[in-house]
Amino acid sequence: EHVRPVDIGKLAESRSFSIIPTARAAEDDPVTSCMLDRP
């Protein structure tokens, strides 16, 4: 149950305008395994 975070560093800010909103984790929240995510 303790899935380790995925290390991609600090999440980058998107500089582009998008009609489709993109999901983003809070800056301090680690990105966890795909087992805890949905498409």
PDB file of all heavy atoms in Angstrom:
ATOM      1  N   GLU A   1       0.810  -1.222   0.000  1.00  0.00           N
ATOM      2  CA  GLU A   1       0.000   0.000   0.000  1.00  0.00           C
ATOM      3  C   GLU A   1       0.843   1.273   0.000  1.00  0.00           C
ATOM      4  O   GLU A   1       0.345   2.355  -0.218  1.00  0.00           O
ATOM      5  CB  GLU A   1      -0.979   0.012   1.179  1.00  0.00           C
ATOM      6  CG  GLU A   1      -0.343  -0.082   2.535  1.00  0.00           C
ATOM      7  CD  GLU A   1      -0.087  -1.517   2.988  1.00  0.00           C
ATOM      8  OE1 GLU A   1      -0.510  -2.476   2.346  1.00  0.00           O
ATOM      9  OE2 GLU A   1       0.562  -1.679   4.016  1.00  0.00           O
ATOM     10  N   HIS A   2       2.145   1.169   0.230  1.00  0.00           N
ATOM     11  CA  HIS A   2       3.026   2.330   0.227  1.00  0.00           C
ATOM     12  C   HIS A   2       3.752   2.414  -1.117  1.00  0.00           C
ATOM     13  O   HIS A   2       4.896   2.006  -1.245  1.00  0.00           O
ATOM     14  CB  HIS A   2       4.043   2.247   1.371  1.00  0.00           C
ATOM     15  CG  HIS A   2       3.399   2.135   2.709  1.00  0.00           C
ATOM     16  ND1 HIS A   2       2.694   3.167   3.273  1.00  0.00           N
ATOM     17  CD2 HIS A   2       3.315   1.103   3.575  1.00  0.00           C
ATOM     18  CE1 HIS A   2       2.228   2.782   4.443  1.00  0.00           C
ATOM     19  NE2 HIS A   2       2.574   1.537   4.643  1.00  0.00           N
ATOM     20  N   VAL A   3       3.067   2.921  -2.122  1.00  0.00           N
ATOM     21  CA  VAL A   3       3.649   3.049  -3.453  1.00  0.00           C
ATOM     22  C   VAL A   3       4.548   4.281  -3.463  1.00  0.00           C
ATOM     23  O   VAL A   3       4.129   5.363  -3.059  1.00  0.00           O
ATOM     24  CB  VAL A   3       2.539   3.170  -4.518  1.00  0.00           C
ATOM     25  CG1 VAL A   3       3.137   3.335  -5.900  1.00  0.00           C
ATOM     26  CG2 VAL A   3       1.627   1.964  -4.474  1.00  0.00           C
ATOM     27  N   ARG A   4       5.784   4.107  -3.901  1.00  0.00           N
ATOM     28  CA  ARG A   4       6.717   5.236  -3.885  1.00  0.00           C
ATOM     29  C   ARG A   4       6.380   6.244  -4.978  1.00  0.00           C
ATOM     30  O   ARG A   4       5.877   5.884  -6.050  1.00  0.00           O
ATOM     31  CB  ARG A   4       8.141   4.754  -3.989  1.00  0.00           C
ATOM     32  CG  ARG A   4       8.470   4.193  -5.322  1.00  0.00           C
ATOM     33  CD  ARG A   4       9.950   3.939  -5.464  1.00  0.00           C
ATOM     34  NE  ARG A   4      10.165   3.955  -6.877  1.00  0.00           N
ATOM     35  CZ  ARG A   4      11.038   3.236  -7.516  1.00  0.00           C
ATOM     36  NH1 ARG A   4      11.836   2.468  -6.866  1.00  0.00           N
ATOM     37  NH2 ARG A   4      11.152   3.298  -8.809  1.00  0.00           N
ATOM     38  N   PRO A   5       6.686   7.517  -4.726  1.00  0.00           N
ATOM     39  CA  PRO A   5       6.410   8.547  -5.731  1.00  0.00           C
ATOM     40  C   PRO A   5       7.308   8.396  -6.956  1.00  0.00           C
ATOM     41  O   PRO A   5       8.366   7.790  -6.890  1.00  0.00           O
ATOM     42  CB  PRO A   5       6.715   9.865  -5.007  1.00  0.00           C
ATOM     43  CG  PRO A   5       7.193   9.530  -3.654  1.00  0.00           C
ATOM     44  CD  PRO A   5       7.231   8.044  -3.503  1.00  0.00           C
ATOM     45  N   VAL A   6       6.868   8.980  -8.059  1.00  0.00           N
ATOM     46  CA  VAL A   6       7.642   9.002  -9.295  1.00  0.00           C
ATOM     47  C   VAL A   6       8.427  10.310  -9.297  1.00  0.00           C
ATOM     48  O   VAL A   6       7.855  11.383  -9.150  1.00  0.00           O
ATOM     49  CB  VAL A   6       6.707   8.936 -10.524  1.00  0.00           C
ATOM     50  CG1 VAL A   6       7.508   8.994 -11.807  1.00  0.00           C
ATOM     51  CG2 VAL A   6       5.844   7.684 -10.483  1.00  0.00           C
ATOM     52  N   ASP A   7       9.755  10.225  -9.466  1.00  0.00           N
ATOM     53  CA  ASP A   7      10.601  11.410  -9.396  1.00  0.00           C
ATOM     54  C   ASP A   7      10.772  12.039 -10.776  1.00  0.00           C
ATOM     55  O   ASP A   7      11.556  11.575 -11.595  1.00  0.00           O
ATOM     56  CB  ASP A   7      11.964  11.060  -8.810  1.00  0.00           C
ATOM     57  CG  ASP A   7      12.848  12.280  -8.614  1.00  0.00           C
ATOM     58  OD1 ASP A   7      12.330  13.417  -8.662  1.00  0.00           O
ATOM     59  OD2 ASP A   7      14.066  12.104  -8.425  1.00  0.00           O
ATOM     60  N   ILE A   8      10.001  13.114 -11.007  1.00  0.00           N
ATOM     61  CA  ILE A   8      10.157  13.886 -12.242  1.00  0.00           C
ATOM     62  C   ILE A   8      10.588  15.311 -11.916  1.00  0.00           C
ATOM     63  O   ILE A   8      10.669  16.157 -12.802  1.00  0.00           O
ATOM     64  CB  ILE A   8       8.877  13.884 -13.104  1.00  0.00           C
ATOM     65  CG1 ILE A   8       7.703  14.493 -12.363  1.00  0.00           C
ATOM     66  CG2 ILE A   8       8.575  12.479 -13.596  1.00  0.00           C
ATOM     67  CD1 ILE A   8       6.473  14.737 -13.235  1.00  0.00           C
ATOM     68  N   GLY A   9      10.853  15.569 -10.635  1.00  0.00           N
ATOM     69  CA  GLY A   9      11.229  16.915 -10.207  1.00  0.00           C
ATOM     70  C   GLY A   9      10.005  17.762  -9.970  1.00  0.00           C
ATOM     71  O   GLY A   9       8.875  17.271  -9.880  1.00  0.00           O
ATOM     72  N   LYS A  10      10.223  19.053  -9.882  1.00  0.00           N
ATOM     73  CA  LYS A  10       9.144  20.015  -9.669  1.00  0.00           C
ATOM     74  C   LYS A  10       8.288  20.074 -10.931  1.00  0.00           C
ATOM     75  O   LYS A  10       8.816  20.164 -12.045  1.00  0.00           O
ATOM     76  CB  LYS A  10       9.765  21.387  -9.365  1.00  0.00           C
ATOM     77  CG  LYS A  10       8.762  22.454  -9.071  1.00  0.00           C
ATOM     78  CD  LYS A  10       9.495  23.762  -8.758  1.00  0.00           C
ATOM     79  CE  LYS A  10       8.511  24.888  -8.644  1.00  0.00           C
ATOM     80  NZ  LYS A  10       9.192  26.171  -8.446  1.00  0.00           N
ATOM     81  N   LEU A  11       6.978  20.003 -10.760  1.00  0.00           N
ATOM     82  CA  LEU A  11       6.090  20.054 -11.916  1.00  0.00           C
ATOM     83  C   LEU A  11       6.230  21.387 -12.629  1.00  0.00           C
ATOM     84  O   LEU A  11       6.262  22.448 -12.000  1.00  0.00           O
ATOM     85  CB  LEU A  11       4.636  19.838 -11.501  1.00  0.00           C
ATOM     86  CG  LEU A  11       4.288  18.416 -11.074  1.00  0.00           C
ATOM     87  CD1 LEU A  11       2.873  18.362 -10.531  1.00  0.00           C
ATOM     88  CD2 LEU A  11       4.439  17.457 -12.230  1.00  0.00           C
ATOM     89  N   ALA A  12       6.320  21.314 -13.947  1.00  0.00           N
ATOM     90  CA  ALA A  12       6.490  22.503 -14.773  1.00  0.00           C
ATOM     91  C   ALA A  12       5.158  23.190 -14.980  1.00  0.00           C
ATOM     92  O   ALA A  12       4.113  22.545 -15.081  1.00  0.00           O
ATOM     93  CB  ALA A  12       7.101  22.122 -16.122  1.00  0.00           C
ATOM     94  N   GLU A  13       5.203  24.502 -15.047  1.00  0.00           N
ATOM     95  CA  GLU A  13       4.015  25.287 -15.372  1.00  0.00           C
ATOM     96  C   GLU A  13       3.801  25.255 -16.873  1.00  0.00           C
ATOM     97  O   GLU A  13       4.747  25.343 -17.638  1.00  0.00           O
ATOM     98  CB  GLU A  13       4.200  26.748 -14.935  1.00  0.00           C
ATOM     99  CG  GLU A  13       4.202  26.933 -13.438  1.00  0.00           C
ATOM    100  CD  GLU A  13       2.850  26.716 -12.806  1.00  0.00           C
ATOM    101  OE1 GLU A  13       1.824  26.949 -13.480  1.00  0.00           O
ATOM    102  OE2 GLU A  13       2.814  26.284 -11.651  1.00  0.00           O
ATOM    103  N   SER A  14       2.570  25.153 -17.284  1.00  0.00           N
ATOM    104  CA  SER A  14       2.264  25.199 -18.710  1.00  0.00           C
ATOM    105  C   SER A  14       2.240  26.655 -19.156  1.00  0.00           C
ATOM    106  O   SER A  14       1.602  27.489 -18.530  1.00  0.00           O
ATOM    107  CB  SER A  14       0.912  24.538 -18.977  1.00  0.00           C
ATOM    108  OG  SER A  14       0.554  24.708 -20.314  1.00  0.00           O
ATOM    109  N   ARG A  15       2.936  26.957 -20.251  1.00  0.00           N
ATOM    110  CA  ARG A  15       2.967  28.320 -20.776  1.00  0.00           C
ATOM    111  C   ARG A  15       1.937  28.503 -21.876  1.00  0.00           C
ATOM    112  O   ARG A  15       1.804  29.566 -22.439  1.00  0.00           O
ATOM    113  CB  ARG A  15       4.352  28.617 -21.336  1.00  0.00           C
ATOM    114  CG  ARG A  15       5.417  28.641 -20.287  1.00  0.00           C
ATOM    115  CD  ARG A  15       6.718  29.016 -20.939  1.00  0.00           C
ATOM    116  NE  ARG A  15       6.959  28.251 -22.140  1.00  0.00           N
ATOM    117  CZ  ARG A  15       7.927  27.373 -22.290  1.00  0.00           C
ATOM    118  NH1 ARG A  15       8.754  27.123 -21.322  1.00  0.00           N
ATOM    119  NH2 ARG A  15       8.073  26.735 -23.422  1.00  0.00           N
ATOM    120  N   SER A  16       1.216  27.462 -22.207  1.00  0.00           N
ATOM    121  CA  SER A  16       0.307  27.576 -23.338  1.00  0.00           C
ATOM    122  C   SER A  16      -1.139  27.714 -22.880  1.00  0.00           C
ATOM    123  O   SER A  16      -1.503  27.310 -21.791  1.00  0.00           O
ATOM    124  CB  SER A  16       0.429  26.340 -24.223  1.00  0.00           C
ATOM    125  OG  SER A  16      -0.018  25.209 -23.522  1.00  0.00           O
ATOM    126  N   PHE A  17      -1.942  28.297 -23.732  1.00  0.00           N
ATOM    127  CA  PHE A  17      -3.372  28.368 -23.508  1.00  0.00           C
ATOM    128  C   PHE A  17      -3.975  27.059 -23.969  1.00  0.00           C
ATOM    129  O   PHE A  17      -3.606  26.518 -25.001  1.00  0.00           O
ATOM    130  CB  PHE A  17      -3.969  29.532 -24.314  1.00  0.00           C
ATOM    131  CG  PHE A  17      -5.469  29.527 -24.311  1.00  0.00           C
ATOM    132  CD1 PHE A  17      -6.160  29.955 -23.190  1.00  0.00           C
ATOM    133  CD2 PHE A  17      -6.165  29.077 -25.406  1.00  0.00           C
ATOM    134  CE1 PHE A  17      -7.541  29.935 -23.179  1.00  0.00           C
ATOM    135  CE2 PHE A  17      -7.548  29.060 -25.400  1.00  0.00           C
ATOM    136  CZ  PHE A  17      -8.243  29.491 -24.279  1.00  0.00           C
ATOM    137  N   SER A  18      -4.919  26.536 -23.201  1.00  0.00           N
ATOM    138  CA  SER A  18      -5.537  25.277 -23.576  1.00  0.00           C
ATOM    139  C   SER A  18      -7.033  25.351 -23.354  1.00  0.00           C
ATOM    140  O   SER A  18      -7.496  25.805 -22.307  1.00  0.00           O
ATOM    141  CB  SER A  18      -4.956  24.136 -22.736  1.00  0.00           C
ATOM    142  OG  SER A  18      -5.618  22.942 -23.032  1.00  0.00           O
ATOM    143  N   ILE A  19      -7.789  24.935 -24.336  1.00  0.00           N
ATOM    144  CA  ILE A  19      -9.239  24.846 -24.190  1.00  0.00           C
ATOM    145  C   ILE A  19      -9.581  23.689 -23.268  1.00  0.00           C
ATOM    146  O   ILE A  19     -10.525  23.736 -22.507  1.00  0.00           O
ATOM    147  CB  ILE A  19      -9.905  24.650 -25.577  1.00  0.00           C
ATOM    148  CG1 ILE A  19      -9.695  25.904 -26.422  1.00  0.00           C
ATOM    149  CG2 ILE A  19     -11.375  24.337 -25.434  1.00  0.00           C
ATOM    150  CD1 ILE A  19     -10.146  25.782 -27.837  1.00  0.00           C
ATOM    151  N   ILE A  20      -8.769  22.655 -23.329  1.00  0.00           N
ATOM    152  CA  ILE A  20      -8.973  21.464 -22.504  1.00  0.00           C
ATOM    153  C   ILE A  20      -8.159  21.637 -21.229  1.00  0.00           C
ATOM    154  O   ILE A  20      -6.946  21.796 -21.273  1.00  0.00           O
ATOM    155  CB  ILE A  20      -8.491  20.200 -23.244  1.00  0.00           C
ATOM    156  CG1 ILE A  20      -9.206  20.080 -24.580  1.00  0.00           C
ATOM    157  CG2 ILE A  20      -8.709  18.959 -22.385  1.00  0.00           C
ATOM    158  CD1 ILE A  20      -8.586  19.088 -25.517  1.00  0.00           C
ATOM    159  N   PRO A  21      -8.812  21.617 -20.043  1.00  0.00           N
ATOM    160  CA  PRO A  21      -8.043  21.769 -18.814  1.00  0.00           C
ATOM    161  C   PRO A  21      -7.163  20.549 -18.570  1.00  0.00           C
ATOM    162  O   PRO A  21      -7.522  19.430 -18.912  1.00  0.00           O
ATOM    163  CB  PRO A  21      -9.125  21.881 -17.728  1.00  0.00           C
ATOM    164  CG  PRO A  21     -10.328  21.247 -18.314  1.00  0.00           C
ATOM    165  CD  PRO A  21     -10.223  21.419 -19.808  1.00  0.00           C
ATOM    166  N   THR A  22      -5.988  20.791 -18.007  1.00  0.00           N
ATOM    167  CA  THR A  22      -5.096  19.690 -17.696  1.00  0.00           C
ATOM    168  C   THR A  22      -5.036  19.504 -16.197  1.00  0.00           C
ATOM    169  O   THR A  22      -5.016  20.475 -15.449  1.00  0.00           O
ATOM    170  CB  THR A  22      -3.672  19.945 -18.233  1.00  0.00           C
ATOM    171  OG1 THR A  22      -3.200  21.167 -17.700  1.00  0.00           O
ATOM    172  CG2 THR A  22      -3.653  19.986 -19.747  1.00  0.00           C
ATOM    173  N   ALA A  23      -5.026  18.267 -15.763  1.00  0.00           N
ATOM    174  CA  ALA A  23      -4.923  17.972 -14.343  1.00  0.00           C
ATOM    175  C   ALA A  23      -3.497  18.232 -13.898  1.00  0.00           C
ATOM    176  O   ALA A  23      -2.557  17.959 -14.615  1.00  0.00           O
ATOM    177  CB  ALA A  23      -5.303  16.524 -14.080  1.00  0.00           C
ATOM    178  N   ARG A  24      -3.359  18.790 -12.720  1.00  0.00           N
ATOM    179  CA  ARG A  24      -2.041  19.103 -12.205  1.00  0.00           C
ATOM    180  C   ARG A  24      -2.039  18.860 -10.720  1.00  0.00           C
ATOM    181  O   ARG A  24      -2.936  19.264 -10.008  1.00  0.00           O
ATOM    182  CB  ARG A  24      -1.741  20.575 -12.460  1.00  0.00           C
ATOM    183  CG  ARG A  24      -0.369  20.800 -13.014  1.00  0.00           C
ATOM    184  CD  ARG A  24      -0.129  22.240 -13.316  1.00  0.00           C
ATOM    185  NE  ARG A  24       0.363  23.041 -12.237  1.00  0.00           N
ATOM    186  CZ  ARG A  24       1.479  22.846 -11.572  1.00  0.00           C
ATOM    187  NH1 ARG A  24       2.216  21.809 -11.820  1.00  0.00           N
ATOM    188  NH2 ARG A  24       1.864  23.659 -10.636  1.00  0.00           N
ATOM    189  N   ALA A  25      -1.025  18.200 -10.226  1.00  0.00           N
ATOM    190  CA  ALA A  25      -0.880  18.004  -8.792  1.00  0.00           C
ATOM    191  C   ALA A  25      -0.374  19.305  -8.189  1.00  0.00           C
ATOM    192  O   ALA A  25       0.246  20.108  -8.856  1.00  0.00           O
ATOM    193  CB  ALA A  25       0.116  16.883  -8.523  1.00  0.00           C
ATOM    194  N   ALA A  26      -0.660  19.503  -6.908  1.00  0.00           N
ATOM    195  CA  ALA A  26      -0.124  20.675  -6.226  1.00  0.00           C
ATOM    196  C   ALA A  26       1.400  20.587  -6.259  1.00  0.00           C
ATOM    197  O   ALA A  26       1.972  19.501  -6.258  1.00  0.00           O
ATOM    198  CB  ALA A  26      -0.636  20.722  -4.797  1.00  0.00           C
ATOM    199  N   GLU A  27       2.072  21.753  -6.256  1.00  0.00           N
ATOM    200  CA  GLU A  27       3.518  21.792  -6.410  1.00  0.00           C
ATOM    201  C   GLU A  27       4.249  20.924  -5.399  1.00  0.00           C
ATOM    202  O   GLU A  27       5.244  20.295  -5.706  1.00  0.00           O
ATOM    203  CB  GLU A  27       3.980  23.238  -6.298  1.00  0.00           C
ATOM    204  CG  GLU A  27       5.437  23.432  -6.601  1.00  0.00           C
ATOM    205  CD  GLU A  27       5.800  24.895  -6.572  1.00  0.00           C
ATOM    206  OE1 GLU A  27       5.245  25.647  -7.393  1.00  0.00           O
ATOM    207  OE2 GLU A  27       6.624  25.264  -5.741  1.00  0.00           O
ATOM    208  N   ASP A  28       3.762  20.887  -4.160  1.00  0.00           N
ATOM    209  CA  ASP A  28       4.432  20.119  -3.120  1.00  0.00           C
ATOM    210  C   ASP A  28       3.995  18.660  -3.061  1.00  0.00           C
ATOM    211  O   ASP A  28       4.577  17.872  -2.337  1.00  0.00           O
ATOM    212  CB  ASP A  28       4.198  20.767  -1.750  1.00  0.00           C
ATOM    213  CG  ASP A  28       4.836  22.144  -1.673  1.00  0.00           C
ATOM    214  OD1 ASP A  28       5.823  22.379  -2.403  1.00  0.00           O
ATOM    215  OD2 ASP A  28       4.343  22.980  -0.896  1.00  0.00           O
ATOM    216  N   ASP A  29       2.934  18.312  -3.764  1.00  0.00           N
ATOM    217  CA  ASP A  29       2.454  16.933  -3.765  1.00  0.00           C
ATOM    218  C   ASP A  29       3.303  16.087  -4.695  1.00  0.00           C
ATOM    219  O   ASP A  29       3.520  16.458  -5.851  1.00  0.00           O
ATOM    220  CB  ASP A  29       0.999  16.847  -4.232  1.00  0.00           C
ATOM    221  CG  ASP A  29       0.024  17.437  -3.235  1.00  0.00           C
ATOM    222  OD1 ASP A  29       0.420  17.649  -2.068  1.00  0.00           O
ATOM    223  OD2 ASP A  29      -1.124  17.695  -3.625  1.00  0.00           O
ATOM    224  N   PRO A  30       3.793  14.937  -4.225  1.00  0.00           N
ATOM    225  CA  PRO A  30       4.559  14.073  -5.136  1.00  0.00           C
ATOM    226  C   PRO A  30       3.628  13.419  -6.154  1.00  0.00           C
ATOM    227  O   PRO A  30       2.448  13.211  -5.890  1.00  0.00           O
ATOM    228  CB  PRO A  30       5.165  13.028  -4.198  1.00  0.00           C
ATOM    229  CG  PRO A  30       4.245  12.998  -3.022  1.00  0.00           C
ATOM    230  CD  PRO A  30       3.661  14.382  -2.896  1.00  0.00           C
ATOM    231  N   VAL A  31       4.153  13.125  -7.321  1.00  0.00           N
ATOM    232  CA  VAL A  31       3.400  12.391  -8.331  1.00  0.00           C
ATOM    233  C   VAL A  31       3.525  10.919  -7.947  1.00  0.00           C
ATOM    234  O   VAL A  31       4.630  10.393  -7.838  1.00  0.00           O
ATOM    235  CB  VAL A  31       3.957  12.647  -9.744  1.00  0.00           C
ATOM    236  CG1 VAL A  31       3.206  11.822 -10.765  1.00  0.00           C
ATOM    237  CG2 VAL A  31       3.878  14.123 -10.085  1.00  0.00           C
ATOM    238  N   THR A  32       2.404  10.270  -7.712  1.00  0.00           N
ATOM    239  CA  THR A  32       2.423   8.878  -7.283  1.00  0.00           C
ATOM    240  C   THR A  32       2.306   7.941  -8.480  1.00  0.00           C
ATOM    241  O   THR A  32       2.217   8.371  -9.614  1.00  0.00           O
ATOM    242  CB  THR A  32       1.284   8.611  -6.280  1.00  0.00           C
ATOM    243  OG1 THR A  32       0.040   8.934  -6.903  1.00  0.00           O
ATOM    244  CG2 THR A  32       1.450   9.434  -5.021  1.00  0.00           C
ATOM    245  N   SER A  33       2.251   6.680  -8.199  1.00  0.00           N
ATOM    246  CA  SER A  33       2.168   5.629  -9.217  1.00  0.00           C
ATOM    247  C   SER A  33       0.898   5.745 -10.056  1.00  0.00           C
ATOM    248  O   SER A  33      -0.120   6.267  -9.611  1.00  0.00           O
ATOM    249  CB  SER A  33       2.196   4.277  -8.498  1.00  0.00           C
ATOM    250  OG  SER A  33       1.479   3.305  -9.196  1.00  0.00           O
ATOM    251  N   CYS A  34       0.956   5.187 -11.259  1.00  0.00           N
ATOM    252  CA  CYS A  34      -0.222   5.159 -12.121  1.00  0.00           C
ATOM    253  C   CYS A  34      -1.355   4.334 -11.519  1.00  0.00           C
ATOM    254  O   CYS A  34      -2.509   4.483 -11.894  1.00  0.00           O
ATOM    255  CB  CYS A  34       0.138   4.636 -13.507  1.00  0.00           C
ATOM    256  SG  CYS A  34       0.848   2.983 -13.554  1.00  0.00           S
ATOM    257  N   MET A  35      -1.032   3.482 -10.544  1.00  0.00           N
ATOM    258  CA  MET A  35      -2.065   2.683  -9.884  1.00  0.00           C
ATOM    259  C   MET A  35      -3.023   3.563  -9.085  1.00  0.00           C
ATOM    260  O   MET A  35      -4.129   3.157  -8.765  1.00  0.00           O
ATOM    261  CB  MET A  35      -1.439   1.632  -8.966  1.00  0.00           C
ATOM    262  CG  MET A  35      -0.647   0.573  -9.705  1.00  0.00           C
ATOM    263  SD  MET A  35      -1.624  -0.352 -10.901  1.00  0.00           S
ATOM    264  CE  MET A  35      -2.858  -1.074  -9.857  1.00  0.00           C
ATOM    265  N   LEU A  36      -2.600   4.786  -8.763  1.00  0.00           N
ATOM    266  CA  LEU A  36      -3.421   5.708  -7.981  1.00  0.00           C
ATOM    267  C   LEU A  36      -3.929   6.870  -8.829  1.00  0.00           C
ATOM    268  O   LEU A  36      -4.344   7.892  -8.297  1.00  0.00           O
ATOM    269  CB  LEU A  36      -2.608   6.240  -6.796  1.00  0.00           C
ATOM    270  CG  LEU A  36      -2.064   5.175  -5.846  1.00  0.00           C
ATOM    271  CD1 LEU A  36      -1.153   5.805  -4.807  1.00  0.00           C
ATOM    272  CD2 LEU A  36      -3.202   4.406  -5.189  1.00  0.00           C
ATOM    273  N   ASP A  37      -3.921   6.724 -10.140  1.00  0.00           N
ATOM    274  CA  ASP A  37      -4.311   7.777 -11.066  1.00  0.00           C
ATOM    275  C   ASP A  37      -5.356   7.224 -12.025  1.00  0.00           C
ATOM    276  O   ASP A  37      -5.550   6.011 -12.117  1.00  0.00           O
ATOM    277  CB  ASP A  37      -3.061   8.246 -11.842  1.00  0.00           C
ATOM    278  CG  ASP A  37      -3.237   9.593 -12.521  1.00  0.00           C
ATOM    279  OD1 ASP A  37      -4.319  10.193 -12.419  1.00  0.00           O
ATOM    280  OD2 ASP A  37      -2.271  10.040 -13.169  1.00  0.00           O
ATOM    281  N   ARG A  38      -6.035   8.099 -12.728  1.00  0.00           N
ATOM    282  CA  ARG A  38      -6.981   7.705 -13.768  1.00  0.00           C
ATOM    283  C   ARG A  38      -6.666   8.496 -15.028  1.00  0.00           C
ATOM    284  O   ARG A  38      -6.156   9.614 -14.951  1.00  0.00           O
ATOM    285  CB  ARG A  38      -8.412   8.011 -13.327  1.00  0.00           C
ATOM    286  CG  ARG A  38      -8.894   7.163 -12.188  1.00  0.00           C
ATOM    287  CD  ARG A  38     -10.377   7.356 -11.947  1.00  0.00           C
ATOM    288  NE  ARG A  38     -10.789   8.733 -12.067  1.00  0.00           N
ATOM    289  CZ  ARG A  38     -11.344   9.437 -11.089  1.00  0.00           C
ATOM    290  NH1 ARG A  38     -11.545   8.903  -9.921  1.00  0.00           N
ATOM    291  NH2 ARG A  38     -11.710  10.685 -11.281  1.00  0.00           N
ATOM    292  N   PRO A  39      -6.997   7.942 -16.193  1.00  0.00           N
ATOM    293  CA  PRO A  39      -6.696   8.685 -17.425  1.00  0.00           C
ATOM    294  C   PRO A  39      -7.620   9.882 -17.607  1.00  0.00           C
ATOM    295  O   PRO A  39      -8.767   9.872 -17.178  1.00  0.00           O
ATOM    296  CB  PRO A  39      -6.922   7.648 -18.527  1.00  0.00           C
ATOM    297  CG  PRO A  39      -7.847   6.646 -17.943  1.00  0.00           C
ATOM    298  CD  PRO A  39      -7.572   6.635 -16.455  1.00  0.00           C
TER     299      PRO A  39
END
